[in-house]
Amino acid sequence: MEYNLADLFESVVDAVPDREALVHLDHPGTGAERRLTYAELDAAANRVAHHLIDSGLKPGEHLGLHLYNGVEYLQTVLGCLKARLVPVNVNYRYVEEELAYLYRDADLAALVFDGEFTDRVAAALPRAPGLRHLIRVGEGAGAPHAVPFAEAAASGSPARGFSPRSADDLFIIYTGGTTGMPKGVMWRQEDLFFSGLGGGAPTGEPVTRPEEVAERVAAGGDGITFFPTPPLMHGTSTLTAFICFHFGQRLVIHRKFAPEEVLRTIERERVTSVSLVGDAMLRPLIDALNGPCAGTDLSSLFSVSSSGAIMSDTVRAQFRALAPNVMLLNNFGSSESGFNGTATDDSGPERGFRIQVNSRTQVVDLVTHEPVAVGEPGRIAQRGHVPLGYYNDPEKTAETFFRRGDERWVLLGDMATVDAEGIVTVLGRGSQCINTGGEKVYPEEVEQALKSHPDIYDALVAGVPDERWGTRVAAVVQLRPDAPPLDLPALKAHCRTRLAGYKIPRSAVFTDHIQRSPSGKADYRWARKVAAEA
C-alpha cells in the first residue's frame, strides 16, 4: 500500500467497517437525512467508481464536481480516487462564462452536477467539447445525455476489484483567489496527505508507514464528530472530510449553511469540532444563539476553527461569552500549501495576525527566495510536500513554485514578517496590498479595526484611485440591522485609536449586504468596484 487516499480510506474501512462515517442532513426543515457506516460509504463509492470505468473513463482523466454538499459529493470524490480519476471541484456560484472556462481549462472528461444547475451546465457545454459523460444529481431538464445519479450508482458493482494505485495519483483543487480566473492546484496524493490530512504533526504523530493509519484507527475509539459547515466545493471542507476519515471518526454535513440548523445539529449529533470561514459564518451563529437558538446545548463542542478568513477579536469575544469552554482556532493555510499553522493567543488588532507555523514554513525574500531577516517583510513559503504546480498554466507555475536544492517550494500570496522566536505575523495578501502615498496598507488589518465597532456587522477594504495619493483606502461597511446611522467622521474616529493615520479609510460606502463567496471568503473585486463607483 502507498500513500494513496483511496488505499488509506479502504484500510480504515477494513479496520472499522460498522462505525458510522457520514451523516447528511438535508434541506432545513425537511427532516431528510442519510447515515452511512464506513462499509456502506465504501460500497457506495465503489459503485460510482465502477460506473465511471464502465462508461469508458480512463485513469488520469478529470471529473468535475458541480454540486452542493451531500453524500453524492463525497461518494463521487472517493469513487474517482478508487478509479484513479482526478476529482476537480467546481464553484457552484459560477455563471456560464466562468463554467465554460473552468470546464475547458481543467480538461474535464466527465461532470457530476446538481439538477439545480442544469441550465448553466447546458449553456456551458458547447464550449467544452472534451466533456463527454454527464451525471445529474436530483431533478433537472435541459442537459443532454445526463445519467441520473441513482441510476449510475445502481449500475456499478459495490465490490472493489480495482487496479493498483499510486502515491503519484493527482488531486486537483481549483481556487479562485481574489483576482483573475480560477487556477487548478495539482497535488500528488502523498504530498496532500502529509500537508494536512493526518499524515504528520500537528494533527498527530507523523505517520511513517501507510499501514499506521488503519492501525491508529483500530487502536483508538470513536466519539469525535467533525462538522465542516462551508461548501465541500471549497478545498478546506473536502480536506476536513479526509482528515475525519483518516482518524476513523464521524462526519456531519448540511446541504447549505443555515445558522439555526447548524446549532440544532451540533446539539442533536453531539458535534465536537466545527469548521467555518471567519466572521461571515460565526456572526450568524452568534445572532442565532442570542435569538431563536438561545439555550442550545453546546456542551459536546470542543473547538471551532476557521481558515480562509479570520475570526476577529470582537466576534470571538462575543462567541466566548456564549460558549466559554469552546476553543476558537484561527488556522492558516491555502489550496497551495495545505496547513501552515495556527494563530497565537496574543493575535489581534494590536499585534497583528500572528501564527505559530510548522517547520516547513518560512518567510522569504520576493526576489532571492532566501529567508528574510527578523522584522523584514517577505512572502510566506512552504517546502517539501507541496503541489506540483498549476494545471495547464506553466507561467503561473513558474511564478509561484520554485526549487531550492533538492526541495520543492511554493510561494503563498501572503506577505509577512517573522520575529526572533519564529512567530510569523501575516500582513495580508500581496495582491490586495494598497499603496497609498508610498505607504503600504493591508486590508485585513483595517477590516479588523472596523469590525471591532459594535454597530458594524461586516466590512471589506479596498484601494481605489485617488488624485493626490495614487490610491486611497476605501471601506465597504454593513451595519447591524438595528444599528443607528454611522457616518465617515465617526468611522475615522473609531479607527484612529487602533490604526496609524495613513491606514484609516478616507471614504466609505454603507451597504445592506457584503458580498462574499459561499464559504465566507472576501470578494475584493466586488468591494473595489462598489467603492470606486461610489
Protein backbone atom coordinates (compact mmCIF):
# COMPACT_ATOMS: atom_id res chain seq x y z
CA MET A 1 0.00 0.00 0.00
CA GLU A 2 1.19 3.51 -0.85
CA TYR A 3 0.20 6.91 0.50
CA ASN A 4 -2.78 6.97 -1.82
CA LEU A 5 -6.02 8.46 -0.47
CA ALA A 6 -8.23 5.65 -1.77
CA ASP A 7 -5.90 2.99 -0.34
CA LEU A 8 -5.81 4.78 3.01
CA PHE A 9 -9.60 5.13 3.11
CA GLU A 10 -10.10 1.45 2.32
CA SER A 11 -7.66 0.48 5.07
CA VAL A 12 -9.76 2.48 7.57
CA VAL A 13 -12.95 0.85 6.27
CA ASP A 14 -11.45 -2.59 6.86
CA ALA A 15 -10.47 -1.58 10.41
CA VAL A 16 -13.87 -0.16 11.47
CA PRO A 17 -16.47 -1.22 8.85
CA ASP A 18 -19.51 -0.83 11.12
CA ARG A 19 -18.59 2.57 12.56
CA GLU A 20 -20.77 5.47 11.41
CA ALA A 21 -18.82 7.51 8.86
CA LEU A 22 -21.17 10.07 7.33
CA VAL A 23 -24.37 11.85 8.32
CA HIS A 24 -26.01 14.07 5.71
CA LEU A 25 -28.78 16.34 6.99
CA ASP A 26 -30.62 17.77 4.01
CA HIS A 27 -32.64 20.95 3.50
CA PRO A 28 -33.54 22.71 6.77
CA GLY A 29 -36.96 21.72 7.99
CA THR A 30 -37.43 18.65 5.77
CA GLY A 31 -36.13 16.10 8.25
CA ALA A 32 -34.43 14.20 5.42
CA GLU A 33 -31.18 12.53 6.40
CA ARG A 34 -28.82 9.76 5.36
CA ARG A 35 -26.46 7.81 7.60
CA LEU A 36 -23.72 5.57 6.25
CA THR A 37 -21.20 3.36 8.02
CA TYR A 38 -17.66 3.14 6.68
CA ALA A 39 -18.54 -0.10 4.89
CA GLU A 40 -21.67 1.45 3.35
CA LEU A 41 -19.80 4.56 2.18
CA ASP A 42 -17.07 2.35 0.72
CA ALA A 43 -19.60 0.27 -1.21
CA ALA A 44 -21.37 3.42 -2.45
CA ALA A 45 -18.06 4.84 -3.70
CA ASN A 46 -17.22 1.51 -5.37
CA ARG A 47 -20.48 1.69 -7.31
CA VAL A 48 -19.64 5.15 -8.66
CA ALA A 49 -16.08 4.11 -9.48
CA HIS A 50 -17.21 1.07 -11.46
CA HIS A 51 -19.84 3.10 -13.33
CA LEU A 52 -17.19 5.63 -14.36
CA ILE A 53 -14.82 2.89 -15.53
CA ASP A 54 -17.63 1.09 -17.37
CA SER A 55 -18.50 4.40 -19.08
CA GLY A 56 -15.07 4.49 -20.70
CA LEU A 57 -13.26 6.93 -18.42
CA LYS A 58 -9.55 6.19 -18.10
CA PRO A 59 -7.06 6.67 -15.23
CA GLY A 60 -5.77 10.22 -15.15
CA GLU A 61 -8.86 11.78 -16.77
CA HIS A 62 -10.60 14.60 -14.94
CA LEU A 63 -14.10 14.66 -13.43
CA GLY A 64 -15.77 17.87 -12.24
CA LEU A 65 -17.99 18.07 -9.15
CA HIS A 66 -20.56 20.84 -9.66
CA LEU A 67 -22.60 20.08 -6.54
CA TYR A 68 -23.99 21.29 -3.27
CA ASN A 69 -22.92 19.35 -0.18
CA GLY A 70 -24.28 15.83 0.00
CA VAL A 71 -23.46 12.14 0.20
CA GLU A 72 -23.11 12.21 -3.60
CA TYR A 73 -20.23 14.69 -3.40
CA LEU A 74 -18.03 12.57 -1.14
CA GLN A 75 -19.19 9.33 -2.75
CA THR A 76 -18.03 10.68 -6.12
CA VAL A 77 -14.71 12.03 -4.84
CA LEU A 78 -13.92 8.65 -3.29
CA GLY A 79 -15.14 6.90 -6.44
CA CYS A 80 -12.79 8.98 -8.55
CA LEU A 81 -9.84 8.17 -6.33
CA LYS A 82 -10.65 4.46 -6.41
CA ALA A 83 -10.83 4.51 -10.23
CA ARG A 84 -7.68 6.67 -10.47
CA LEU A 85 -9.65 9.55 -11.97
CA VAL A 86 -8.81 13.10 -10.88
CA PRO A 87 -11.58 14.93 -8.96
CA VAL A 88 -11.94 18.65 -9.76
CA ASN A 89 -14.08 20.97 -7.63
CA VAL A 90 -16.39 23.41 -9.45
CA ASN A 91 -17.61 26.58 -7.74
CA TYR A 92 -21.40 26.39 -7.94
CA ARG A 93 -21.71 30.17 -7.97
CA TYR A 94 -20.02 30.37 -11.35
CA VAL A 95 -22.11 31.55 -14.29
CA GLU A 96 -21.93 30.36 -17.89
CA GLU A 97 -18.70 32.15 -18.91
CA GLU A 98 -16.79 31.05 -15.81
CA LEU A 99 -18.04 27.48 -16.11
CA ALA A 100 -17.08 27.23 -19.76
CA TYR A 101 -13.60 28.47 -18.87
CA LEU A 102 -13.15 26.01 -16.00
CA TYR A 103 -14.57 23.03 -17.93
CA ARG A 104 -12.04 23.70 -20.71
CA ASP A 105 -9.11 24.72 -18.53
CA ALA A 106 -9.47 21.61 -16.36
CA ASP A 107 -9.91 19.33 -19.41
CA LEU A 108 -12.99 17.75 -17.86
CA ALA A 109 -13.97 14.43 -19.38
CA ALA A 110 -16.93 13.94 -17.02
CA LEU A 111 -19.15 16.07 -14.80
CA VAL A 112 -21.41 15.28 -11.87
CA PHE A 113 -23.77 18.20 -11.34
CA ASP A 114 -26.75 19.18 -9.24
CA GLY A 115 -30.03 19.36 -11.18
CA GLU A 116 -30.50 22.91 -9.90
CA PHE A 117 -27.59 23.97 -12.14
CA THR A 118 -28.88 22.27 -15.30
CA ASP A 119 -29.43 25.47 -17.30
CA ARG A 120 -25.93 26.79 -16.58
CA VAL A 121 -24.33 23.44 -17.36
CA ALA A 122 -26.25 23.16 -20.64
CA ALA A 123 -25.20 26.67 -21.66
CA ALA A 124 -21.50 26.00 -20.99
CA LEU A 125 -21.33 22.53 -22.58
CA PRO A 126 -20.98 23.60 -26.23
CA ARG A 127 -17.66 25.27 -25.34
CA ALA A 128 -16.29 22.19 -23.56
CA PRO A 129 -16.01 19.62 -26.36
CA GLY A 130 -13.95 17.20 -24.27
CA LEU A 131 -16.72 16.77 -21.68
CA ARG A 132 -18.36 13.53 -22.78
CA HIS A 133 -20.04 11.98 -19.72
CA LEU A 134 -22.64 13.72 -17.53
CA ILE A 135 -24.28 12.55 -14.31
CA ARG A 136 -27.12 14.54 -12.76
CA VAL A 137 -27.97 14.56 -9.05
CA GLY A 138 -31.66 15.26 -8.45
CA GLU A 139 -34.19 16.60 -10.90
CA GLY A 140 -33.40 18.75 -13.92
CA ALA A 141 -34.06 19.00 -17.61
CA GLY A 142 -32.16 20.56 -20.49
CA ALA A 143 -28.72 18.96 -20.25
CA PRO A 144 -28.38 16.27 -22.96
CA HIS A 145 -27.18 12.77 -22.22
CA ALA A 146 -27.11 13.17 -18.40
CA VAL A 147 -27.38 9.91 -16.47
CA PRO A 148 -29.38 10.20 -13.21
CA PHE A 149 -27.02 9.69 -10.28
CA ALA A 150 -29.15 6.96 -8.71
CA GLU A 151 -29.11 5.04 -12.00
CA ALA A 152 -25.35 5.48 -12.37
CA ALA A 153 -24.69 4.24 -8.84
CA ALA A 154 -27.06 1.29 -9.21
CA SER A 155 -25.27 0.16 -12.37
CA GLY A 156 -21.89 -0.22 -10.68
CA SER A 157 -20.65 -3.09 -8.55
CA PRO A 158 -20.38 -2.48 -4.77
CA ALA A 159 -17.20 -4.60 -4.65
CA ARG A 160 -13.68 -3.24 -5.01
CA GLY A 161 -11.61 -5.05 -7.62
CA PHE A 162 -9.63 -2.04 -8.83
CA SER A 163 -6.18 -1.88 -10.36
CA PRO A 164 -3.23 -0.83 -8.16
CA ARG A 165 -2.96 2.87 -7.36
CA SER A 166 -0.05 5.22 -6.81
CA ALA A 167 1.08 7.91 -4.40
CA ASP A 168 1.60 9.98 -7.57
CA ASP A 169 -2.11 9.94 -8.45
CA LEU A 170 -3.37 13.52 -8.66
CA PHE A 171 -5.92 15.51 -6.71
CA ILE A 172 -6.73 18.94 -8.21
CA ILE A 173 -8.17 21.83 -6.19
CA TYR A 174 -9.39 24.81 -8.21
CA THR A 175 -9.03 28.07 -6.35
CA GLY A 176 -10.49 31.36 -7.49
CA GLY A 177 -8.39 33.56 -5.21
CA THR A 178 -9.24 37.24 -5.23
CA THR A 179 -8.17 38.19 -8.74
CA GLY A 180 -8.10 36.57 -12.16
CA MET A 181 -9.58 33.31 -13.38
CA PRO A 182 -9.54 30.14 -11.25
CA LYS A 183 -6.37 28.04 -11.13
CA GLY A 184 -6.11 24.29 -10.61
CA VAL A 185 -3.62 23.32 -7.89
CA MET A 186 -2.10 19.92 -8.73
CA TRP A 187 -1.36 17.78 -5.69
CA ARG A 188 0.29 14.38 -5.59
CA GLN A 189 -1.88 12.45 -3.14
CA GLU A 190 1.09 11.60 -0.92
CA ASP A 191 2.03 15.27 -0.66
CA LEU A 192 -1.55 16.23 0.14
CA PHE A 193 -1.72 13.59 2.87
CA PHE A 194 1.38 14.93 4.59
CA SER A 195 0.37 18.58 4.19
CA GLY A 196 -2.62 18.42 6.50
CA LEU A 197 -4.67 15.24 6.05
CA GLY A 198 -3.42 13.43 9.11
CA GLY A 199 -0.02 12.45 7.78
CA GLY A 200 2.02 14.37 10.32
CA ALA A 201 2.14 16.88 13.16
CA PRO A 202 0.29 18.81 14.49
CA THR A 203 -2.67 16.52 13.81
CA GLY A 204 -0.81 13.62 15.46
CA GLU A 205 2.48 11.78 15.44
CA PRO A 206 3.98 11.72 11.94
CA VAL A 207 2.98 8.61 10.01
CA THR A 208 5.96 6.52 8.89
CA ARG A 209 4.07 3.71 7.11
CA PRO A 210 0.73 3.81 5.24
CA GLU A 211 -0.49 0.91 7.39
CA GLU A 212 -0.21 3.08 10.51
CA VAL A 213 -3.37 4.99 9.57
CA ALA A 214 -5.61 1.93 9.97
CA GLU A 215 -3.62 0.68 12.97
CA ARG A 216 -4.19 4.03 14.71
CA VAL A 217 -7.91 3.90 13.94
CA ALA A 218 -8.26 0.32 15.19
CA ALA A 219 -6.40 1.13 18.40
CA GLY A 220 -8.36 4.30 19.18
CA GLY A 221 -12.05 4.79 19.80
CA ASP A 222 -14.60 6.92 18.02
CA GLY A 223 -16.55 9.73 19.69
CA ILE A 224 -15.34 12.67 17.61
CA THR A 225 -17.73 14.28 15.13
CA PHE A 226 -16.41 16.73 12.55
CA PHE A 227 -18.81 19.28 11.07
CA PRO A 228 -17.42 21.31 8.14
CA THR A 229 -20.06 23.98 7.52
CA PRO A 230 -18.67 25.62 4.32
CA PRO A 231 -19.35 24.09 0.89
CA LEU A 232 -17.41 20.96 0.01
CA MET A 233 -16.59 22.60 -3.34
CA HIS A 234 -14.10 24.74 -1.42
CA GLY A 235 -10.99 22.70 -0.72
CA THR A 236 -10.99 23.25 3.04
CA SER A 237 -14.20 21.32 3.68
CA THR A 238 -13.32 18.36 1.48
CA LEU A 239 -9.89 18.13 3.09
CA THR A 240 -11.55 18.30 6.53
CA ALA A 241 -13.64 15.30 5.48
CA PHE A 242 -10.48 13.33 4.67
CA ILE A 243 -8.89 14.28 7.98
CA CYS A 244 -12.00 12.90 9.65
CA PHE A 245 -11.88 9.66 7.67
CA HIS A 246 -8.15 9.20 8.29
CA PHE A 247 -8.88 9.19 12.02
CA GLY A 248 -11.90 6.89 11.64
CA GLN A 249 -14.31 9.45 13.01
CA ARG A 250 -17.78 10.66 12.03
CA LEU A 251 -18.53 13.45 9.56
CA VAL A 252 -21.71 15.55 9.55
CA ILE A 253 -22.65 17.74 6.58
CA HIS A 254 -25.51 20.03 5.58
CA ARG A 255 -26.55 20.77 2.01
CA LYS A 256 -26.24 24.51 2.69
CA PHE A 257 -25.19 26.72 5.59
CA ALA A 258 -28.20 27.67 7.74
CA PRO A 259 -27.17 29.05 11.17
CA GLU A 260 -30.14 27.80 13.21
CA GLU A 261 -29.90 24.32 11.68
CA VAL A 262 -26.14 24.25 12.30
CA LEU A 263 -26.71 24.89 16.00
CA ARG A 264 -29.51 22.33 16.27
CA THR A 265 -27.26 19.78 14.57
CA ILE A 266 -24.40 20.47 17.00
CA GLU A 267 -26.79 19.76 19.87
CA ARG A 268 -28.54 16.73 18.36
CA GLU A 269 -25.48 15.00 16.87
CA ARG A 270 -23.15 15.88 19.76
CA VAL A 271 -20.69 17.56 17.38
CA THR A 272 -17.18 18.07 18.78
CA SER A 273 -15.41 20.05 16.03
CA VAL A 274 -16.89 22.71 13.73
CA SER A 275 -15.00 24.34 10.88
CA LEU A 276 -16.14 27.56 9.23
CA VAL A 277 -14.80 30.64 7.45
CA GLY A 278 -14.36 33.74 9.57
CA ASP A 279 -16.86 36.25 10.90
CA ALA A 280 -19.18 35.75 7.93
CA MET A 281 -20.16 32.37 9.38
CA LEU A 282 -19.51 32.88 13.10
CA ARG A 283 -21.59 36.07 13.39
CA PRO A 284 -24.84 34.43 12.20
CA LEU A 285 -24.29 31.63 14.74
CA ILE A 286 -23.91 34.23 17.49
CA ASP A 287 -27.08 36.01 16.36
CA ALA A 288 -28.98 32.71 16.41
CA LEU A 289 -27.65 31.89 19.90
CA ASN A 290 -28.85 35.29 21.08
CA GLY A 291 -32.22 34.75 19.41
CA PRO A 292 -34.18 31.68 18.31
CA CYS A 293 -31.49 29.21 19.41
CA ALA A 294 -30.86 30.66 22.87
CA GLY A 295 -30.08 27.88 25.31
CA THR A 296 -28.79 25.45 22.66
CA ASP A 297 -26.71 22.72 24.32
CA LEU A 298 -23.12 23.18 23.08
CA SER A 299 -21.55 21.03 25.80
CA SER A 300 -20.22 18.50 23.27
CA LEU A 301 -18.43 21.19 21.25
CA PHE A 302 -14.68 21.28 21.80
CA SER A 303 -13.42 23.54 19.01
CA VAL A 304 -14.48 25.97 16.31
CA SER A 305 -11.79 26.53 13.68
CA SER A 306 -11.60 28.97 10.81
CA SER A 307 -9.46 29.02 7.69
CA GLY A 308 -9.70 31.24 4.64
CA ALA A 309 -10.73 34.24 6.75
CA ILE A 310 -10.01 35.42 10.28
CA MET A 311 -12.44 35.29 13.18
CA SER A 312 -11.97 38.83 14.52
CA ASP A 313 -11.29 39.54 18.19
CA THR A 314 -14.65 41.24 18.62
CA VAL A 315 -16.64 38.33 17.23
CA ARG A 316 -14.57 35.76 19.09
CA ALA A 317 -15.27 37.59 22.37
CA GLN A 318 -19.00 37.56 21.62
CA PHE A 319 -18.94 33.80 20.97
CA ARG A 320 -16.84 33.11 24.07
CA ALA A 321 -19.44 34.88 26.20
CA LEU A 322 -21.99 32.35 24.94
CA ALA A 323 -19.75 29.27 24.84
CA PRO A 324 -16.81 29.87 27.23
CA ASN A 325 -15.49 26.30 27.07
CA VAL A 326 -15.10 26.13 23.29
CA MET A 327 -11.63 26.58 21.81
CA LEU A 328 -11.50 29.08 18.94
CA LEU A 329 -8.75 28.47 16.38
CA ASN A 330 -7.73 30.75 13.53
CA ASN A 331 -5.89 28.33 11.26
CA PHE A 332 -3.68 29.45 8.40
CA GLY A 333 -3.27 27.61 5.14
CA SER A 334 -4.19 27.63 1.47
CA SER A 335 -5.06 25.45 -1.51
CA GLU A 336 -1.37 25.68 -2.47
CA SER A 337 0.11 24.71 0.90
CA GLY A 338 -2.38 22.77 2.97
CA PHE A 339 -1.98 23.55 6.69
CA ASN A 340 0.69 26.06 7.73
CA GLY A 341 -0.09 26.92 11.34
CA THR A 342 -2.47 28.33 13.93
CA ALA A 343 -2.81 31.84 15.34
CA THR A 344 -1.20 32.52 18.70
CA ASP A 345 -3.27 33.56 21.71
CA ASP A 346 -1.98 37.12 21.53
CA SER A 347 -3.05 37.66 17.91
CA GLY A 348 -5.26 40.69 17.49
CA PRO A 349 -5.55 44.23 16.15
CA GLU A 350 -2.69 45.47 18.32
CA ARG A 351 -0.07 42.82 17.45
CA GLY A 352 -1.48 41.55 14.16
CA PHE A 353 -2.37 38.06 12.95
CA ARG A 354 0.47 36.05 14.48
CA ILE A 355 0.84 32.36 13.67
CA GLN A 356 2.93 29.55 15.05
CA VAL A 357 3.97 27.93 11.78
CA ASN A 358 5.09 24.39 11.09
CA SER A 359 8.74 23.55 10.49
CA ARG A 360 8.31 23.61 6.69
CA THR A 361 7.11 27.23 6.52
CA GLN A 362 9.37 30.28 6.15
CA VAL A 363 9.14 33.95 5.17
CA VAL A 364 11.33 34.53 2.13
CA ASP A 365 12.59 37.42 0.03
CA LEU A 366 10.47 38.21 -3.02
CA VAL A 367 13.44 38.07 -5.41
CA THR A 368 16.07 35.74 -3.95
CA HIS A 369 13.67 33.36 -2.16
CA GLU A 370 16.13 33.29 0.74
CA PRO A 371 14.82 33.64 4.34
CA VAL A 372 14.29 37.28 5.35
CA ALA A 373 15.89 38.90 8.39
CA VAL A 374 13.87 39.33 11.57
CA GLY A 375 11.30 42.08 11.08
CA GLU A 376 11.77 42.36 7.32
CA PRO A 377 8.70 41.80 5.10
CA GLY A 378 8.62 38.90 2.67
CA ARG A 379 6.30 36.24 1.31
CA ILE A 380 5.27 33.13 3.16
CA ALA A 381 6.63 29.97 1.53
CA GLN A 382 6.43 26.27 2.27
CA ARG A 383 8.81 23.46 1.32
CA GLY A 384 8.68 19.70 0.96
CA HIS A 385 5.23 18.25 0.47
CA VAL A 386 3.87 20.95 -1.84
CA PRO A 387 1.88 20.82 -5.10
CA LEU A 388 3.45 20.17 -8.49
CA GLY A 389 2.10 23.44 -9.86
CA TYR A 390 -1.00 24.87 -11.52
CA TYR A 391 -2.71 22.68 -14.08
CA ASN A 392 -2.44 23.94 -17.63
CA ASP A 393 -0.63 27.12 -16.56
CA PRO A 394 3.20 26.98 -16.82
CA GLU A 395 3.53 30.76 -16.48
CA LYS A 396 1.78 30.99 -13.10
CA THR A 397 3.52 27.79 -12.01
CA ALA A 398 6.91 29.42 -12.66
CA GLU A 399 5.85 32.48 -10.65
CA THR A 400 4.64 30.51 -7.64
CA PHE A 401 6.70 27.31 -7.39
CA PHE A 402 10.48 27.01 -7.22
CA ARG A 403 13.26 24.67 -6.15
CA ARG A 404 15.98 25.28 -3.61
CA GLY A 405 18.49 22.45 -3.76
CA ASP A 406 16.61 19.17 -3.82
CA GLU A 407 13.43 20.59 -2.28
CA ARG A 408 10.30 21.90 -3.93
CA TRP A 409 8.85 25.17 -2.59
CA VAL A 410 5.63 27.11 -3.06
CA LEU A 411 5.20 30.87 -2.58
CA LEU A 412 1.91 31.85 -0.99
CA GLY A 413 0.18 35.13 -1.75
CA ASP A 414 0.56 36.43 1.79
CA MET A 415 3.12 38.97 2.91
CA ALA A 416 4.52 38.57 6.42
CA THR A 417 7.34 39.22 8.86
CA VAL A 418 9.00 36.84 11.30
CA ASP A 419 10.29 37.60 14.81
CA ALA A 420 13.24 36.19 16.75
CA GLU A 421 11.07 33.39 18.20
CA GLY A 422 9.93 32.28 14.76
CA ILE A 423 6.40 33.64 15.10
CA VAL A 424 5.10 34.84 11.72
CA THR A 425 2.93 37.97 11.55
CA VAL A 426 0.74 37.90 8.46
CA LEU A 427 0.40 41.33 6.87
CA GLY A 428 -2.11 40.36 4.20
CA ARG A 429 -2.45 39.26 0.62
CA GLY A 430 0.21 40.89 -1.50
CA SER A 431 -2.25 41.20 -4.39
CA GLN A 432 -4.62 43.23 -2.19
CA CYS A 433 -1.98 45.49 -0.62
CA ILE A 434 -2.96 49.18 -1.01
CA ASN A 435 -0.12 51.58 -1.84
CA THR A 436 -1.35 54.98 -0.68
CA GLY A 437 1.19 57.77 -0.99
CA GLY A 438 4.04 55.23 -0.74
CA GLU A 439 2.69 53.62 2.43
CA LYS A 440 1.51 50.02 2.29
CA VAL A 441 -1.84 49.11 3.84
CA TYR A 442 -3.14 45.55 4.12
CA PRO A 443 -6.97 45.36 4.03
CA GLU A 444 -7.27 42.65 6.69
CA GLU A 445 -5.79 44.89 9.38
CA VAL A 446 -8.21 47.73 8.62
CA GLU A 447 -11.15 45.32 8.45
CA GLN A 448 -10.30 44.03 11.93
CA ALA A 449 -10.37 47.58 13.27
CA LEU A 450 -13.67 48.36 11.56
CA LYS A 451 -15.36 45.19 12.79
CA SER A 452 -14.43 45.99 16.37
CA HIS A 453 -17.09 48.76 16.22
CA PRO A 454 -20.23 47.43 17.97
CA ASP A 455 -22.56 48.67 15.21
CA ILE A 456 -20.61 47.17 12.27
CA TYR A 457 -21.68 43.71 11.17
CA ASP A 458 -19.18 43.21 8.35
CA ALA A 459 -16.65 45.19 6.31
CA LEU A 460 -14.27 44.90 3.38
CA VAL A 461 -11.47 47.32 2.48
CA ALA A 462 -10.07 48.01 -0.97
CA GLY A 463 -7.88 50.55 -2.72
CA VAL A 464 -9.49 52.97 -5.19
CA PRO A 465 -7.87 55.62 -7.44
CA ASP A 466 -7.06 58.95 -5.78
CA GLU A 467 -5.65 62.09 -7.48
CA ARG A 468 -3.44 63.04 -4.55
CA TRP A 469 -2.34 59.70 -3.08
CA GLY A 470 -2.49 57.50 -6.18
CA THR A 471 -4.69 55.07 -4.28
CA ARG A 472 -6.75 55.66 -1.16
CA VAL A 473 -8.13 53.29 1.47
CA ALA A 474 -11.87 52.78 0.99
CA ALA A 475 -14.25 50.79 3.18
CA VAL A 476 -17.46 48.99 2.29
CA VAL A 477 -19.45 48.62 5.50
CA GLN A 478 -22.53 46.64 6.51
CA LEU A 479 -24.17 47.85 9.72
CA ARG A 480 -26.18 45.72 12.09
CA PRO A 481 -29.91 45.77 11.28
CA ASP A 482 -30.78 47.66 14.47
CA ALA A 483 -27.75 49.98 14.42
CA PRO A 484 -28.11 53.78 14.30
CA PRO A 485 -26.70 55.59 11.24
CA LEU A 486 -22.92 55.82 11.09
CA ASP A 487 -21.01 58.38 9.05
CA LEU A 488 -17.43 58.61 7.79
CA PRO A 489 -16.17 61.01 10.56
CA ALA A 490 -17.41 58.60 13.24
CA LEU A 491 -15.81 55.70 11.37
CA LYS A 492 -12.49 57.53 11.22
CA ALA A 493 -12.66 58.45 14.91
CA HIS A 494 -13.17 54.79 15.82
CA CYS A 495 -10.25 53.64 13.65
CA ARG A 496 -7.91 56.40 14.82
CA THR A 497 -7.48 54.70 18.21
CA ARG A 498 -6.44 51.44 16.53
CA LEU A 499 -4.62 52.36 13.31
CA ALA A 500 -1.93 54.69 12.03
CA GLY A 501 -3.37 57.67 10.20
CA TYR A 502 -2.47 56.51 6.69
CA LYS A 503 -4.41 53.25 7.25
CA ILE A 504 -7.69 54.95 8.16
CA PRO A 505 -10.37 54.76 5.42
CA ARG A 506 -10.69 58.04 3.52
CA SER A 507 -14.04 57.06 2.03
CA ALA A 508 -16.79 54.64 2.98
CA VAL A 509 -19.81 53.05 1.34
CA PHE A 510 -22.60 51.75 3.55
CA THR A 511 -24.43 48.76 2.09
CA ASP A 512 -27.14 46.34 3.16
CA HIS A 513 -25.04 43.33 2.25
CA ILE A 514 -21.35 42.45 1.94
CA GLN A 515 -20.72 40.08 -0.94
CA ARG A 516 -18.64 37.02 -0.07
CA SER A 517 -18.18 33.56 -1.52
CA PRO A 518 -20.46 30.77 -0.21
CA SER A 519 -17.67 29.83 2.22
CA GLY A 520 -17.34 33.39 3.57
CA LYS A 521 -14.17 34.42 1.73
CA ALA A 522 -13.85 38.09 0.84
CA ASP A 523 -14.85 39.21 -2.65
CA TYR A 524 -12.37 42.06 -3.10
CA ARG A 525 -13.19 42.57 -6.76
CA TRP A 526 -16.76 43.35 -5.77
CA ALA A 527 -15.64 45.62 -2.90
CA ARG A 528 -13.26 47.55 -5.16
CA LYS A 529 -15.98 48.03 -7.78
CA VAL A 530 -18.54 49.25 -5.23
CA ALA A 531 -16.06 51.61 -3.57
CA ALA A 532 -14.82 53.00 -6.88
CA GLU A 533 -18.31 53.63 -8.22
CA ALA A 534 -19.25 55.50 -5.05
